[in-house]
């Protein structure tokens, strides 16, 4: 697995912009800054493996990219739902934290696959 520096920077900037959009949707509500920052972290965690990394196996790379894209869509729906209806801090952290941990655990296991 190699890092493509340019695409990694692009994916982090894209995650920051979408995170700022989540902050803007939640602006004026309680904990809007937390919503923007945590959104950026979750979006970056899914966009960097999808866009910024190159994998030895083409099949494994395709599977990880699709998997990351699905979780990116889950995170977008979740974050904008919480941003639009008001961030309830415990529910927001628990739901999105569990989703992020599940994503990272499955990504870690997929990354270790040698033959696919």
PDB file of N, CA and C in Angstrom:
ATOM      1  N   UNK A   1       0.853  -1.158   0.000  1.00  0.00           N
ATOM      2  CA  UNK A   1       0.000   0.000   0.000  1.00  0.00           C
ATOM      3  C   UNK A   1       0.908   1.233   0.000  1.00  0.00           C
ATOM      4  N   UNK A   2       0.698   2.104  -1.016  1.00  0.00           N
ATOM      5  CA  UNK A   2       1.463   3.338  -1.132  1.00  0.00           C
ATOM      6  C   UNK A   2       0.524   4.530  -1.023  1.00  0.00           C
ATOM      7  N   UNK A   3       1.075   5.620  -0.566  1.00  0.00           N
ATOM      8  CA  UNK A   3       0.296   6.841  -0.445  1.00  0.00           C
ATOM      9  C   UNK A   3       0.573   7.746  -1.640  1.00  0.00           C
ATOM     10  N   UNK A   4      -0.488   8.176  -2.305  1.00  0.00           N
ATOM     11  CA  UNK A   4      -0.382   9.170  -3.345  1.00  0.00           C
ATOM     12  C   UNK A   4      -0.601  10.529  -2.666  1.00  0.00           C
ATOM     13  N   UNK A   5       0.472  11.285  -2.521  1.00  0.00           N
ATOM     14  CA  UNK A   5       0.435  12.509  -1.721  1.00  0.00           C
ATOM     15  C   UNK A   5      -0.579  13.515  -2.254  1.00  0.00           C
ATOM     16  N   UNK A   6      -0.596  13.720  -3.555  1.00  0.00           N
ATOM     17  CA  UNK A   6      -1.509  14.708  -4.132  1.00  0.00           C
ATOM     18  C   UNK A   6      -2.965  14.322  -3.895  1.00  0.00           C
ATOM     19  N   UNK A   7      -3.312  13.057  -4.151  1.00  0.00           N
ATOM     20  CA  UNK A   7      -4.694  12.626  -3.949  1.00  0.00           C
ATOM     21  C   UNK A   7      -5.075  12.583  -2.469  1.00  0.00           C
ATOM     22  N   UNK A   8      -4.104  12.323  -1.601  1.00  0.00           N
ATOM     23  CA  UNK A   8      -4.369  12.364  -0.166  1.00  0.00           C
ATOM     24  C   UNK A   8      -4.693  13.778   0.280  1.00  0.00           C
ATOM     25  N   UNK A   9      -3.952  14.741  -0.217  1.00  0.00           N
ATOM     26  CA  UNK A   9      -4.232  16.142   0.117  1.00  0.00           C
ATOM     27  C   UNK A   9      -5.597  16.548  -0.427  1.00  0.00           C
ATOM     28  N   UNK A  10      -5.905  16.141  -1.651  1.00  0.00           N
ATOM     29  CA  UNK A  10      -7.212  16.447  -2.249  1.00  0.00           C
ATOM     30  C   UNK A  10      -8.334  15.852  -1.398  1.00  0.00           C
ATOM     31  N   UNK A  11      -8.173  14.610  -0.961  1.00  0.00           N
ATOM     32  CA  UNK A  11      -9.231  13.974  -0.172  1.00  0.00           C
ATOM     33  C   UNK A  11      -9.387  14.635   1.196  1.00  0.00           C
ATOM     34  N   UNK A  12      -8.295  15.086   1.810  1.00  0.00           N
ATOM     35  CA  UNK A  12      -8.389  15.774   3.103  1.00  0.00           C
ATOM     36  C   UNK A  12      -9.060  17.138   2.932  1.00  0.00           C
ATOM     37  N   UNK A  13      -8.715  17.847   1.862  1.00  0.00           N
ATOM     38  CA  UNK A  13      -9.359  19.140   1.606  1.00  0.00           C
ATOM     39  C   UNK A  13     -10.849  18.941   1.330  1.00  0.00           C
ATOM     40  N   UNK A  14     -11.190  17.920   0.551  1.00  0.00           N
ATOM     41  CA  UNK A  14     -12.601  17.621   0.274  1.00  0.00           C
ATOM     42  C   UNK A  14     -13.338  17.275   1.564  1.00  0.00           C
ATOM     43  N   UNK A  15     -12.707  16.502   2.437  1.00  0.00           N
ATOM     44  CA  UNK A  15     -13.324  16.160   3.725  1.00  0.00           C
ATOM     45  C   UNK A  15     -13.513  17.403   4.579  1.00  0.00           C
ATOM     46  N   UNK A  16     -12.542  18.308   4.559  1.00  0.00           N
ATOM     47  CA  UNK A  16     -12.668  19.546   5.331  1.00  0.00           C
ATOM     48  C   UNK A  16     -13.795  20.417   4.786  1.00  0.00           C
ATOM     49  N   UNK A  17     -13.948  20.479   3.476  1.00  0.00           N
ATOM     50  CA  UNK A  17     -15.016  21.283   2.890  1.00  0.00           C
ATOM     51  C   UNK A  17     -16.398  20.712   3.197  1.00  0.00           C
ATOM     52  N   UNK A  18     -16.537  19.399   3.114  1.00  0.00           N
ATOM     53  CA  UNK A  18     -17.826  18.786   3.447  1.00  0.00           C
ATOM     54  C   UNK A  18     -18.086  18.903   4.948  1.00  0.00           C
ATOM     55  N   UNK A  19     -17.044  18.823   5.761  1.00  0.00           N
ATOM     56  CA  UNK A  19     -17.186  19.052   7.195  1.00  0.00           C
ATOM     57  C   UNK A  19     -17.617  20.469   7.505  1.00  0.00           C
ATOM     58  N   UNK A  20     -17.084  21.432   6.745  1.00  0.00           N
ATOM     59  CA  UNK A  20     -17.519  22.818   6.921  1.00  0.00           C
ATOM     60  C   UNK A  20     -18.982  22.979   6.511  1.00  0.00           C
ATOM     61  N   UNK A  21     -19.399  22.262   5.476  1.00  0.00           N
ATOM     62  CA  UNK A  21     -20.809  22.291   5.089  1.00  0.00           C
ATOM     63  C   UNK A  21     -21.690  21.749   6.207  1.00  0.00           C
ATOM     64  N   UNK A  22     -21.255  20.689   6.857  1.00  0.00           N
ATOM     65  CA  UNK A  22     -22.011  20.155   8.000  1.00  0.00           C
ATOM     66  C   UNK A  22     -22.045  21.172   9.137  1.00  0.00           C
ATOM     67  N   UNK A  23     -20.925  21.874   9.368  1.00  0.00           N
ATOM     68  CA  UNK A  23     -20.901  22.932  10.377  1.00  0.00           C
ATOM     69  C   UNK A  23     -21.876  24.044  10.014  1.00  0.00           C
ATOM     70  N   UNK A  24     -21.909  24.404   8.739  1.00  0.00           N
ATOM     71  CA  UNK A  24     -22.795  25.480   8.294  1.00  0.00           C
ATOM     72  C   UNK A  24     -24.271  25.077   8.419  1.00  0.00           C
ATOM     73  N   UNK A  25     -24.588  23.826   8.115  1.00  0.00           N
ATOM     74  CA  UNK A  25     -25.970  23.344   8.262  1.00  0.00           C
ATOM     75  C   UNK A  25     -26.368  23.374   9.733  1.00  0.00           C
ATOM     76  N   UNK A  26     -25.435  23.061  10.618  1.00  0.00           N
ATOM     77  CA  UNK A  26     -25.726  23.018  12.053  1.00  0.00           C
ATOM     78  C   UNK A  26     -25.503  24.360  12.739  1.00  0.00           C
ATOM     79  N   UNK A  27     -25.122  25.404  12.005  1.00  0.00           N
ATOM     80  CA  UNK A  27     -24.778  26.670  12.644  1.00  0.00           C
ATOM     81  C   UNK A  27     -25.964  27.249  13.399  1.00  0.00           C
ATOM     82  N   UNK A  28     -25.648  27.816  14.536  1.00  0.00           N
ATOM     83  CA  UNK A  28     -26.675  28.380  15.391  1.00  0.00           C
ATOM     84  C   UNK A  28     -27.261  27.381  16.367  1.00  0.00           C
ATOM     85  N   UNK A  29     -27.013  26.113  16.126  1.00  0.00           N
ATOM     86  CA  UNK A  29     -27.498  25.084  17.040  1.00  0.00           C
ATOM     87  C   UNK A  29     -26.392  24.754  18.038  1.00  0.00           C
ATOM     88  N   UNK A  30     -26.797  24.088  19.085  1.00  0.00           N
ATOM     89  CA  UNK A  30     -25.842  23.702  20.110  1.00  0.00           C
ATOM     90  C   UNK A  30     -24.845  22.692  19.540  1.00  0.00           C
ATOM     91  N   UNK A  31     -23.570  22.852  19.888  1.00  0.00           N
ATOM     92  CA  UNK A  31     -22.491  21.940  19.505  1.00  0.00           C
ATOM     93  C   UNK A  31     -22.243  21.913  18.001  1.00  0.00           C
ATOM     94  N   UNK A  32     -22.427  23.010  17.300  1.00  0.00           N
ATOM     95  CA  UNK A  32     -22.199  23.032  15.863  1.00  0.00           C
ATOM     96  C   UNK A  32     -20.724  22.878  15.505  1.00  0.00           C
ATOM     97  N   UNK A  33     -19.825  23.364  16.372  1.00  0.00           N
ATOM     98  CA  UNK A  33     -18.393  23.225  16.109  1.00  0.00           C
ATOM     99  C   UNK A  33     -17.978  21.759  16.205  1.00  0.00           C
ATOM    100  N   UNK A  34     -18.513  21.049  17.188  1.00  0.00           N
ATOM    101  CA  UNK A  34     -18.213  19.619  17.326  1.00  0.00           C
ATOM    102  C   UNK A  34     -18.703  18.860  16.099  1.00  0.00           C
ATOM    103  N   UNK A  35     -19.869  19.226  15.610  1.00  0.00           N
ATOM    104  CA  UNK A  35     -20.422  18.586  14.419  1.00  0.00           C
ATOM    105  C   UNK A  35     -19.492  18.780  13.219  1.00  0.00           C
ATOM    106  N   UNK A  36     -18.999  19.981  13.019  1.00  0.00           N
ATOM    107  CA  UNK A  36     -18.101  20.242  11.896  1.00  0.00           C
ATOM    108  C   UNK A  36     -16.773  19.522  12.018  1.00  0.00           C
ATOM    109  N   UNK A  37     -16.196  19.510  13.212  1.00  0.00           N
ATOM    110  CA  UNK A  37     -14.897  18.860  13.397  1.00  0.00           C
ATOM    111  C   UNK A  37     -14.996  17.340  13.291  1.00  0.00           C
ATOM    112  N   UNK A  38     -15.998  16.757  13.937  1.00  0.00           N
ATOM    113  CA  UNK A  38     -16.138  15.305  13.904  1.00  0.00           C
ATOM    114  C   UNK A  38     -16.527  14.834  12.513  1.00  0.00           C
ATOM    115  N   UNK A  39     -17.307  15.638  11.800  1.00  0.00           N
ATOM    116  CA  UNK A  39     -17.638  15.300  10.420  1.00  0.00           C
ATOM    117  C   UNK A  39     -16.386  15.250   9.562  1.00  0.00           C
ATOM    118  N   UNK A  40     -15.510  16.228   9.731  1.00  0.00           N
ATOM    119  CA  UNK A  40     -14.271  16.257   8.960  1.00  0.00           C
ATOM    120  C   UNK A  40     -13.419  15.032   9.242  1.00  0.00           C
ATOM    121  N   UNK A  41     -13.335  14.626  10.504  1.00  0.00           N
ATOM    122  CA  UNK A  41     -12.544  13.444  10.867  1.00  0.00           C
ATOM    123  C   UNK A  41     -13.116  12.190  10.216  1.00  0.00           C
ATOM    124  N   UNK A  42     -14.423  12.015  10.305  1.00  0.00           N
ATOM    125  CA  UNK A  42     -15.051  10.822   9.730  1.00  0.00           C
ATOM    126  C   UNK A  42     -14.950  10.806   8.208  1.00  0.00           C
ATOM    127  N   UNK A  43     -15.144  11.971   7.581  1.00  0.00           N
ATOM    128  CA  UNK A  43     -15.045  12.021   6.121  1.00  0.00           C
ATOM    129  C   UNK A  43     -13.617  11.761   5.657  1.00  0.00           C
ATOM    130  N   UNK A  44     -12.630  12.298   6.370  1.00  0.00           N
ATOM    131  CA  UNK A  44     -11.235  12.058   6.003  1.00  0.00           C
ATOM    132  C   UNK A  44     -10.861  10.590   6.193  1.00  0.00           C
ATOM    133  N   UNK A  45     -11.393   9.973   7.243  1.00  0.00           N
ATOM    134  CA  UNK A  45     -11.081   8.556   7.500  1.00  0.00           C
ATOM    135  C   UNK A  45     -11.604   7.660   6.388  1.00  0.00           C
ATOM    136  N   UNK A  46     -12.641   8.072   5.691  1.00  0.00           N
ATOM    137  CA  UNK A  46     -13.166   7.248   4.598  1.00  0.00           C
ATOM    138  C   UNK A  46     -12.644   7.685   3.234  1.00  0.00           C
ATOM    139  N   UNK A  47     -12.378   8.974   3.052  1.00  0.00           N
ATOM    140  CA  UNK A  47     -11.932   9.440   1.738  1.00  0.00           C
ATOM    141  C   UNK A  47     -10.463   9.137   1.462  1.00  0.00           C
ATOM    142  N   UNK A  48      -9.616   9.163   2.475  1.00  0.00           N
ATOM    143  CA  UNK A  48      -8.195   8.886   2.241  1.00  0.00           C
ATOM    144  C   UNK A  48      -7.985   7.456   1.734  1.00  0.00           C
ATOM    145  N   UNK A  49      -8.575   6.410   2.348  1.00  0.00           N
ATOM    146  CA  UNK A  49      -8.406   5.073   1.765  1.00  0.00           C
ATOM    147  C   UNK A  49      -9.081   4.920   0.396  1.00  0.00           C
ATOM    148  N   UNK A  50     -10.136   5.684   0.157  1.00  0.00           N
ATOM    149  CA  UNK A  50     -10.836   5.568  -1.123  1.00  0.00           C
ATOM    150  C   UNK A  50     -10.085   6.269  -2.249  1.00  0.00           C
ATOM    151  N   UNK A  51      -9.451   7.395  -1.960  1.00  0.00           N
ATOM    152  CA  UNK A  51      -8.827   8.182  -3.023  1.00  0.00           C
ATOM    153  C   UNK A  51      -7.306   8.257  -2.923  1.00  0.00           C
ATOM    154  N   UNK A  52      -6.765   8.353  -1.729  1.00  0.00           N
ATOM    155  CA  UNK A  52      -5.361   8.688  -1.566  1.00  0.00           C
ATOM    156  C   UNK A  52      -4.397   7.536  -1.462  1.00  0.00           C
ATOM    157  N   UNK A  53      -4.889   6.314  -1.406  1.00  0.00           N
ATOM    158  CA  UNK A  53      -3.996   5.167  -1.252  1.00  0.00           C
ATOM    159  C   UNK A  53      -4.021   4.306  -2.503  1.00  0.00           C
ATOM    160  N   UNK A  54      -2.866   3.717  -2.812  1.00  0.00           N
ATOM    161  CA  UNK A  54      -2.748   2.766  -3.914  1.00  0.00           C
ATOM    162  C   UNK A  54      -2.431   1.401  -3.313  1.00  0.00           C
ATOM    163  N   UNK A  55      -3.102   0.379  -3.788  1.00  0.00           N
ATOM    164  CA  UNK A  55      -2.981  -0.961  -3.217  1.00  0.00           C
ATOM    165  C   UNK A  55      -2.246  -1.870  -4.190  1.00  0.00           C
ATOM    166  N   UNK A  56      -1.553  -2.908  -3.631  1.00  0.00           N
ATOM    167  CA  UNK A  56      -0.812  -3.841  -4.471  1.00  0.00           C
ATOM    168  C   UNK A  56      -1.745  -4.637  -5.373  1.00  0.00           C
ATOM    169  N   UNK A  57      -2.848  -5.078  -4.818  1.00  0.00           N
ATOM    170  CA  UNK A  57      -3.817  -5.877  -5.564  1.00  0.00           C
ATOM    171  C   UNK A  57      -4.938  -4.971  -6.072  1.00  0.00           C
ATOM    172  N   UNK A  58      -5.241  -5.090  -7.348  1.00  0.00           N
ATOM    173  CA  UNK A  58      -6.319  -4.303  -7.927  1.00  0.00           C
ATOM    174  C   UNK A  58      -7.678  -4.671  -7.363  1.00  0.00           C
ATOM    175  N   UNK A  59      -7.869  -5.966  -7.119  1.00  0.00           N
ATOM    176  CA  UNK A  59      -9.151  -6.426  -6.568  1.00  0.00           C
ATOM    177  C   UNK A  59      -9.356  -5.922  -5.142  1.00  0.00           C
ATOM    178  N   UNK A  60      -8.312  -6.025  -4.340  1.00  0.00           N
ATOM    179  CA  UNK A  60      -8.400  -5.531  -2.963  1.00  0.00           C
ATOM    180  C   UNK A  60      -8.624  -4.022  -2.953  1.00  0.00           C
ATOM    181  N   UNK A  61      -7.942  -3.309  -3.825  1.00  0.00           N
ATOM    182  CA  UNK A  61      -8.126  -1.871  -3.918  1.00  0.00           C
ATOM    183  C   UNK A  61      -9.550  -1.500  -4.300  1.00  0.00           C
ATOM    184  N   UNK A  62     -10.129  -2.247  -5.247  1.00  0.00           N
ATOM    185  CA  UNK A  62     -11.513  -1.975  -5.646  1.00  0.00           C
ATOM    186  C   UNK A  62     -12.474  -2.252  -4.497  1.00  0.00           C
ATOM    187  N   UNK A  63     -12.245  -3.346  -3.776  1.00  0.00           N
ATOM    188  CA  UNK A  63     -13.122  -3.664  -2.642  1.00  0.00           C
ATOM    189  C   UNK A  63     -13.026  -2.602  -1.542  1.00  0.00           C
ATOM    190  N   UNK A  64     -11.817  -2.157  -1.239  1.00  0.00           N
ATOM    191  CA  UNK A  64     -11.645  -1.144  -0.197  1.00  0.00           C
ATOM    192  C   UNK A  64     -12.249   0.182  -0.642  1.00  0.00           C
ATOM    193  N   UNK A  65     -12.107   0.535  -1.909  1.00  0.00           N
ATOM    194  CA  UNK A  65     -12.683   1.789  -2.398  1.00  0.00           C
ATOM    195  C   UNK A  65     -14.212   1.774  -2.338  1.00  0.00           C
ATOM    196  N   UNK A  66     -14.815   0.657  -2.731  1.00  0.00           N
ATOM    197  CA  UNK A  66     -16.278   0.549  -2.654  1.00  0.00           C
ATOM    198  C   UNK A  66     -16.727   0.568  -1.198  1.00  0.00           C
ATOM    199  N   UNK A  67     -16.043  -0.170  -0.354  1.00  0.00           N
ATOM    200  CA  UNK A  67     -16.361  -0.208   1.078  1.00  0.00           C
ATOM    201  C   UNK A  67     -16.251   1.183   1.693  1.00  0.00           C
ATOM    202  N   UNK A  68     -15.183   1.913   1.364  1.00  0.00           N
ATOM    203  CA  UNK A  68     -15.006   3.265   1.888  1.00  0.00           C
ATOM    204  C   UNK A  68     -16.081   4.206   1.354  1.00  0.00           C
ATOM    205  N   UNK A  69     -16.465   4.043   0.103  1.00  0.00           N
ATOM    206  CA  UNK A  69     -17.519   4.873  -0.472  1.00  0.00           C
ATOM    207  C   UNK A  69     -18.865   4.647   0.184  1.00  0.00           C
ATOM    208  N   UNK A  70     -19.163   3.399   0.509  1.00  0.00           N
ATOM    209  CA  UNK A  70     -20.427   3.091   1.195  1.00  0.00           C
ATOM    210  C   UNK A  70     -20.437   3.729   2.581  1.00  0.00           C
ATOM    211  N   UNK A  71     -19.343   3.596   3.313  1.00  0.00           N
ATOM    212  CA  UNK A  71     -19.300   4.210   4.641  1.00  0.00           C
ATOM    213  C   UNK A  71     -19.272   5.731   4.559  1.00  0.00           C
ATOM    214  N   UNK A  72     -18.666   6.285   3.519  1.00  0.00           N
ATOM    215  CA  UNK A  72     -18.717   7.740   3.331  1.00  0.00           C
ATOM    216  C   UNK A  72     -20.170   8.188   3.163  1.00  0.00           C
ATOM    217  N   UNK A  73     -20.938   7.438   2.384  1.00  0.00           N
ATOM    218  CA  UNK A  73     -22.361   7.775   2.202  1.00  0.00           C
ATOM    219  C   UNK A  73     -23.120   7.653   3.526  1.00  0.00           C
ATOM    220  N   UNK A  74     -22.835   6.599   4.303  1.00  0.00           N
ATOM    221  CA  UNK A  74     -23.463   6.466   5.625  1.00  0.00           C
ATOM    222  C   UNK A  74     -23.133   7.661   6.515  1.00  0.00           C
ATOM    223  N   UNK A  75     -21.859   8.065   6.513  1.00  0.00           N
ATOM    224  CA  UNK A  75     -21.444   9.201   7.338  1.00  0.00           C
ATOM    225  C   UNK A  75     -22.105  10.499   6.874  1.00  0.00           C
ATOM    226  N   UNK A  76     -22.215  10.703   5.572  1.00  0.00           N
ATOM    227  CA  UNK A  76     -22.859  11.918   5.068  1.00  0.00           C
ATOM    228  C   UNK A  76     -24.308  11.987   5.539  1.00  0.00           C
ATOM    229  N   UNK A  77     -25.041  10.887   5.375  1.00  0.00           N
ATOM    230  CA  UNK A  77     -26.442  10.865   5.801  1.00  0.00           C
ATOM    231  C   UNK A  77     -26.545  11.097   7.307  1.00  0.00           C
ATOM    232  N   UNK A  78     -25.720  10.412   8.072  1.00  0.00           N
ATOM    233  CA  UNK A  78     -25.776  10.529   9.525  1.00  0.00           C
ATOM    234  C   UNK A  78     -25.429  11.936   9.995  1.00  0.00           C
ATOM    235  N   UNK A  79     -24.343  12.485   9.489  1.00  0.00           N
ATOM    236  CA  UNK A  79     -23.901  13.795   9.952  1.00  0.00           C
ATOM    237  C   UNK A  79     -24.878  14.895   9.557  1.00  0.00           C
ATOM    238  N   UNK A  80     -25.409  14.836   8.353  1.00  0.00           N
ATOM    239  CA  UNK A  80     -26.352  15.875   7.958  1.00  0.00           C
ATOM    240  C   UNK A  80     -27.711  15.698   8.618  1.00  0.00           C
ATOM    241  N   UNK A  81     -28.063  14.483   8.991  1.00  0.00           N
ATOM    242  CA  UNK A  81     -29.277  14.272   9.777  1.00  0.00           C
ATOM    243  C   UNK A  81     -29.132  14.938  11.140  1.00  0.00           C
ATOM    244  N   UNK A  82     -28.019  14.668  11.814  1.00  0.00           N
ATOM    245  CA  UNK A  82     -27.792  15.285  13.123  1.00  0.00           C
ATOM    246  C   UNK A  82     -27.621  16.800  13.001  1.00  0.00           C
ATOM    247  N   UNK A  83     -26.972  17.269  11.937  1.00  0.00           N
ATOM    248  CA  UNK A  83     -26.768  18.708  11.773  1.00  0.00           C
ATOM    249  C   UNK A  83     -28.086  19.424  11.478  1.00  0.00           C
ATOM    250  N   UNK A  84     -28.936  18.801  10.702  1.00  0.00           N
ATOM    251  CA  UNK A  84     -30.194  19.432  10.331  1.00  0.00           C
ATOM    252  C   UNK A  84     -31.211  19.475  11.445  1.00  0.00           C
ATOM    253  N   UNK A  85     -31.245  18.426  12.254  1.00  0.00           N
ATOM    254  CA  UNK A  85     -32.250  18.343  13.307  1.00  0.00           C
ATOM    255  C   UNK A  85     -31.708  18.727  14.681  1.00  0.00           C
ATOM    256  N   UNK A  86     -30.485  19.185  14.728  1.00  0.00           N
ATOM    257  CA  UNK A  86     -29.889  19.571  16.004  1.00  0.00           C
ATOM    258  C   UNK A  86     -29.049  18.431  16.555  1.00  0.00           C
ATOM    259  N   UNK A  87     -27.851  18.763  16.947  1.00  0.00           N
ATOM    260  CA  UNK A  87     -26.918  17.758  17.436  1.00  0.00           C
ATOM    261  C   UNK A  87     -27.225  17.462  18.899  1.00  0.00           C
ATOM    262  N   UNK A  88     -27.645  16.261  19.170  1.00  0.00           N
ATOM    263  CA  UNK A  88     -27.770  15.773  20.538  1.00  0.00           C
ATOM    264  C   UNK A  88     -26.458  15.049  20.829  1.00  0.00           C
ATOM    265  N   UNK A  89     -25.622  15.672  21.639  1.00  0.00           N
ATOM    266  CA  UNK A  89     -24.240  15.239  21.798  1.00  0.00           C
ATOM    267  C   UNK A  89     -24.058  13.752  22.116  1.00  0.00           C
ATOM    268  N   UNK A  90     -24.743  13.163  23.102  1.00  0.00           N
ATOM    269  CA  UNK A  90     -24.482  11.750  23.378  1.00  0.00           C
ATOM    270  C   UNK A  90     -24.844  10.836  22.204  1.00  0.00           C
ATOM    271  N   UNK A  91     -25.983  11.074  21.580  1.00  0.00           N
ATOM    272  CA  UNK A  91     -26.402  10.234  20.454  1.00  0.00           C
ATOM    273  C   UNK A  91     -25.473  10.417  19.263  1.00  0.00           C
ATOM    274  N   UNK A  92     -25.071  11.641  19.024  1.00  0.00           N
ATOM    275  CA  UNK A  92     -24.184  11.954  17.902  1.00  0.00           C
ATOM    276  C   UNK A  92     -22.851  11.229  18.048  1.00  0.00           C
ATOM    277  N   UNK A  93     -22.260  11.335  19.228  1.00  0.00           N
ATOM    278  CA  UNK A  93     -20.954  10.701  19.450  1.00  0.00           C
ATOM    279  C   UNK A  93     -21.065   9.185  19.433  1.00  0.00           C
ATOM    280  N   UNK A  94     -22.093   8.643  20.056  1.00  0.00           N
ATOM    281  CA  UNK A  94     -22.230   7.189  20.126  1.00  0.00           C
ATOM    282  C   UNK A  94     -22.481   6.588  18.754  1.00  0.00           C
ATOM    283  N   UNK A  95     -23.446   7.123  18.015  1.00  0.00           N
ATOM    284  CA  UNK A  95     -23.791   6.556  16.707  1.00  0.00           C
ATOM    285  C   UNK A  95     -22.622   6.666  15.737  1.00  0.00           C
ATOM    286  N   UNK A  96     -22.068   7.856  15.601  1.00  0.00           N
ATOM    287  CA  UNK A  96     -20.989   8.041  14.639  1.00  0.00           C
ATOM    288  C   UNK A  96     -19.684   7.413  15.114  1.00  0.00           C
ATOM    289  N   UNK A  97     -19.462   7.360  16.415  1.00  0.00           N
ATOM    290  CA  UNK A  97     -18.275   6.685  16.941  1.00  0.00           C
ATOM    291  C   UNK A  97     -18.308   5.189  16.680  1.00  0.00           C
ATOM    292  N   UNK A  98     -19.472   4.577  16.876  1.00  0.00           N
ATOM    293  CA  UNK A  98     -19.606   3.145  16.598  1.00  0.00           C
ATOM    294  C   UNK A  98     -19.412   2.873  15.111  1.00  0.00           C
ATOM    295  N   UNK A  99     -20.002   3.718  14.265  1.00  0.00           N
ATOM    296  CA  UNK A  99     -19.826   3.525  12.823  1.00  0.00           C
ATOM    297  C   UNK A  99     -18.361   3.671  12.419  1.00  0.00           C
ATOM    298  N   UNK A 100     -17.657   4.647  13.004  1.00  0.00           N
ATOM    299  CA  UNK A 100     -16.251   4.854  12.669  1.00  0.00           C
ATOM    300  C   UNK A 100     -15.391   3.684  13.136  1.00  0.00           C
ATOM    301  N   UNK A 101     -15.654   3.177  14.333  1.00  0.00           N
ATOM    302  CA  UNK A 101     -14.871   2.035  14.843  1.00  0.00           C
ATOM    303  C   UNK A 101     -15.126   0.788  14.000  1.00  0.00           C
ATOM    304  N   UNK A 102     -16.375   0.566  13.613  1.00  0.00           N
ATOM    305  CA  UNK A 102     -16.689  -0.586  12.750  1.00  0.00           C
ATOM    306  C   UNK A 102     -15.976  -0.446  11.410  1.00  0.00           C
ATOM    307  N   UNK A 103     -16.015   0.750  10.837  1.00  0.00           N
ATOM    308  CA  UNK A 103     -15.331   0.981   9.560  1.00  0.00           C
ATOM    309  C   UNK A 103     -13.835   0.710   9.693  1.00  0.00           C
ATOM    310  N   UNK A 104     -13.199   1.275  10.721  1.00  0.00           N
ATOM    311  CA  UNK A 104     -11.756   1.103  10.889  1.00  0.00           C
ATOM    312  C   UNK A 104     -11.377  -0.344  11.150  1.00  0.00           C
ATOM    313  N   UNK A 105     -12.204  -1.079  11.900  1.00  0.00           N
ATOM    314  CA  UNK A 105     -11.909  -2.490  12.169  1.00  0.00           C
ATOM    315  C   UNK A 105     -11.999  -3.323  10.896  1.00  0.00           C
ATOM    316  N   UNK A 106     -13.035  -3.103  10.097  1.00  0.00           N
ATOM    317  CA  UNK A 106     -13.175  -3.867   8.854  1.00  0.00           C
ATOM    318  C   UNK A 106     -12.084  -3.465   7.862  1.00  0.00           C
ATOM    319  N   UNK A 107     -11.766  -2.171   7.790  1.00  0.00           N
ATOM    320  CA  UNK A 107     -10.684  -1.718   6.906  1.00  0.00           C
ATOM    321  C   UNK A 107      -9.360  -2.351   7.301  1.00  0.00           C
ATOM    322  N   UNK A 108      -9.091  -2.435   8.599  1.00  0.00           N
ATOM    323  CA  UNK A 108      -7.855  -3.054   9.078  1.00  0.00           C
ATOM    324  C   UNK A 108      -7.783  -4.524   8.657  1.00  0.00           C
ATOM    325  N   UNK A 109      -8.896  -5.238   8.788  1.00  0.00           N
ATOM    326  CA  UNK A 109      -8.914  -6.645   8.385  1.00  0.00           C
ATOM    327  C   UNK A 109      -8.790  -6.786   6.877  1.00  0.00           C
ATOM    328  N   UNK A 110      -9.436  -5.917   6.120  1.00  0.00           N
ATOM    329  CA  UNK A 110      -9.332  -5.989   4.654  1.00  0.00           C
ATOM    330  C   UNK A 110      -7.919  -5.676   4.185  1.00  0.00           C
ATOM    331  N   UNK A 111      -7.261  -4.729   4.848  1.00  0.00           N
ATOM    332  CA  UNK A 111      -5.906  -4.342   4.477  1.00  0.00           C
ATOM    333  C   UNK A 111      -4.928  -5.511   4.647  1.00  0.00           C
ATOM    334  N   UNK A 112      -5.214  -6.392   5.598  1.00  0.00           N
ATOM    335  CA  UNK A 112      -4.328  -7.520   5.866  1.00  0.00           C
ATOM    336  C   UNK A 112      -4.534  -8.722   4.963  1.00  0.00           C
ATOM    337  N   UNK A 113      -5.505  -8.673   4.087  1.00  0.00           N
ATOM    338  CA  UNK A 113      -5.764  -9.791   3.178  1.00  0.00           C
ATOM    339  C   UNK A 113      -4.664  -9.849   2.124  1.00  0.00           C
ATOM    340  N   UNK A 114      -4.065 -11.029   1.981  1.00  0.00           N
ATOM    341  CA  UNK A 114      -2.979 -11.183   1.006  1.00  0.00           C
ATOM    342  C   UNK A 114      -3.488 -11.640  -0.352  1.00  0.00           C
ATOM    343  N   UNK A 115      -4.386 -12.606  -0.357  1.00  0.00           N
ATOM    344  CA  UNK A 115      -4.852 -13.182  -1.614  1.00  0.00           C
ATOM    345  C   UNK A 115      -6.352 -12.989  -1.732  1.00  0.00           C
ATOM    346  N   UNK A 116      -6.764 -12.331  -2.777  1.00  0.00           N
ATOM    347  CA  UNK A 116      -8.199 -12.143  -2.996  1.00  0.00           C
ATOM    348  C   UNK A 116      -8.560 -12.506  -4.416  1.00  0.00           C
TER     349      UNK A 116
END
